[in-house]
C-alpha atoms as a PDB file:
ATOM      1  CA  UNK A   1      14.900 -14.563   6.927  1.00  0.00           C
ATOM      2  CA  UNK A   2      13.467 -11.060   7.034  1.00  0.00           C
ATOM      3  CA  UNK A   3      14.651  -7.714   5.809  1.00  0.00           C
ATOM      4  CA  UNK A   4      17.611  -6.002   7.516  1.00  0.00           C
ATOM      5  CA  UNK A   5      16.541  -3.591  10.237  1.00  0.00           C
ATOM      6  CA  UNK A   6      18.950  -0.871   9.108  1.00  0.00           C
ATOM      7  CA  UNK A   7      17.260  -0.722   5.682  1.00  0.00           C
ATOM      8  CA  UNK A   8      13.836   0.021   7.118  1.00  0.00           C
ATOM      9  CA  UNK A   9      10.495  -1.141   5.717  1.00  0.00           C
ATOM     10  CA  UNK A  10      10.126  -1.607   1.953  1.00  0.00           C
ATOM     11  CA  UNK A  11       7.986   1.017   0.218  1.00  0.00           C
ATOM     12  CA  UNK A  12       8.022   1.070  -3.579  1.00  0.00           C
ATOM     13  CA  UNK A  13       9.321   4.349  -5.018  1.00  0.00           C
ATOM     14  CA  UNK A  14       6.253   4.664  -7.269  1.00  0.00           C
ATOM     15  CA  UNK A  15       4.079   5.147  -4.165  1.00  0.00           C
ATOM     16  CA  UNK A  16       6.063   8.241  -3.201  1.00  0.00           C
ATOM     17  CA  UNK A  17       5.824   9.693  -6.720  1.00  0.00           C
ATOM     18  CA  UNK A  18       2.104   8.993  -7.138  1.00  0.00           C
ATOM     19  CA  UNK A  19       1.123  10.286  -3.698  1.00  0.00           C
ATOM     20  CA  UNK A  20       2.394  13.797  -4.460  1.00  0.00           C
ATOM     21  CA  UNK A  21       0.232  14.516  -7.494  1.00  0.00           C
ATOM     22  CA  UNK A  22      -2.926  12.419  -7.153  1.00  0.00           C
ATOM     23  CA  UNK A  23      -5.998  13.629  -5.291  1.00  0.00           C
ATOM     24  CA  UNK A  24      -8.314  10.729  -6.120  1.00  0.00           C
ATOM     25  CA  UNK A  25      -7.752   7.044  -5.465  1.00  0.00           C
ATOM     26  CA  UNK A  26      -4.097   6.070  -5.482  1.00  0.00           C
ATOM     27  CA  UNK A  27      -3.556   2.913  -7.599  1.00  0.00           C
ATOM     28  CA  UNK A  28      -1.010   0.512  -6.130  1.00  0.00           C
ATOM     29  CA  UNK A  29       0.383  -2.541  -7.909  1.00  0.00           C
ATOM     30  CA  UNK A  30       3.114  -3.237  -5.352  1.00  0.00           C
ATOM     31  CA  UNK A  31       1.330  -5.552  -2.898  1.00  0.00           C
ATOM     32  CA  UNK A  32       4.547  -6.303  -0.999  1.00  0.00           C
ATOM     33  CA  UNK A  33       5.077  -2.662   0.026  1.00  0.00           C
ATOM     34  CA  UNK A  34       4.518  -1.681   3.637  1.00  0.00           C
ATOM     35  CA  UNK A  35       1.737   0.855   4.229  1.00  0.00           C
ATOM     36  CA  UNK A  36       3.476   4.156   5.105  1.00  0.00           C
ATOM     37  CA  UNK A  37       2.203   6.612   7.674  1.00  0.00           C
ATOM     38  CA  UNK A  38       1.642   9.488   5.209  1.00  0.00           C
ATOM     39  CA  UNK A  39      -1.290   7.573   3.643  1.00  0.00           C
ATOM     40  CA  UNK A  40      -3.278   7.628   6.897  1.00  0.00           C
ATOM     41  CA  UNK A  41      -6.951   8.347   6.216  1.00  0.00           C
ATOM     42  CA  UNK A  42      -6.634   8.037   2.428  1.00  0.00           C
ATOM     43  CA  UNK A  43      -8.435   5.695   0.082  1.00  0.00           C
ATOM     44  CA  UNK A  44      -6.086   3.572  -2.038  1.00  0.00           C
ATOM     45  CA  UNK A  45      -6.825   1.063  -4.785  1.00  0.00           C
ATOM     46  CA  UNK A  46      -4.770  -2.140  -4.474  1.00  0.00           C
ATOM     47  CA  UNK A  47      -4.431  -4.465  -7.474  1.00  0.00           C
ATOM     48  CA  UNK A  48      -5.369  -8.088  -6.745  1.00  0.00           C
ATOM     49  CA  UNK A  49      -4.306  -9.530 -10.110  1.00  0.00           C
ATOM     50  CA  UNK A  50      -7.565  -8.864 -11.933  1.00  0.00           C
ATOM     51  CA  UNK A  51      -8.983  -5.547 -10.732  1.00  0.00           C
ATOM     52  CA  UNK A  52      -8.457  -2.937  -8.022  1.00  0.00           C
ATOM     53  CA  UNK A  53      -9.934  -3.280  -4.534  1.00  0.00           C
ATOM     54  CA  UNK A  54     -10.587  -0.190  -2.442  1.00  0.00           C
ATOM     55  CA  UNK A  55      -8.750  -0.017   0.899  1.00  0.00           C
ATOM     56  CA  UNK A  56      -9.086   2.807   3.422  1.00  0.00           C
ATOM     57  CA  UNK A  57      -5.854   3.226   5.388  1.00  0.00           C
ATOM     58  CA  UNK A  58      -6.512   3.395   9.127  1.00  0.00           C
ATOM     59  CA  UNK A  59      -4.123   3.644  12.055  1.00  0.00           C
ATOM     60  CA  UNK A  60      -4.306  -0.111  12.648  1.00  0.00           C
ATOM     61  CA  UNK A  61      -3.220  -0.922   9.063  1.00  0.00           C
ATOM     62  CA  UNK A  62       0.018   1.112   9.123  1.00  0.00           C
ATOM     63  CA  UNK A  63       3.033  -1.203   9.088  1.00  0.00           C
ATOM     64  CA  UNK A  64       1.217  -4.069   7.370  1.00  0.00           C
ATOM     65  CA  UNK A  65       1.538  -4.829   3.660  1.00  0.00           C
ATOM     66  CA  UNK A  66      -0.972  -3.701   1.031  1.00  0.00           C
ATOM     67  CA  UNK A  67      -1.528  -7.286  -0.153  1.00  0.00           C
ATOM     68  CA  UNK A  68      -2.952  -8.333   3.204  1.00  0.00           C
ATOM     69  CA  UNK A  69      -6.081  -6.223   2.643  1.00  0.00           C
ATOM     70  CA  UNK A  70      -6.762  -7.037  -1.010  1.00  0.00           C
ATOM     71  CA  UNK A  71      -7.766 -10.693  -1.323  1.00  0.00           C
ATOM     72  CA  UNK A  72      -6.987 -12.562  -4.529  1.00  0.00           C
ATOM     73  CA  UNK A  73      -9.441 -15.436  -4.104  1.00  0.00           C
ATOM     74  CA  UNK A  74     -13.173 -15.608  -3.638  1.00  0.00           C
END
């Protein structure tokens, strides 16, 4: 069962706070958050459990989750 449509997509509140002040790579630990539209064209660092993997947000990636682009296995 998925998330209710009236709630909208899940975006962790820390992503909103960090996006305002940071100019460099934005570090994201919340892999289950949906990629919001305001990160379009930015470079984010997604945690895969051991280290951070660099992900460039493109138009095609908006709406997917951060964890889908940061693999945890070799």
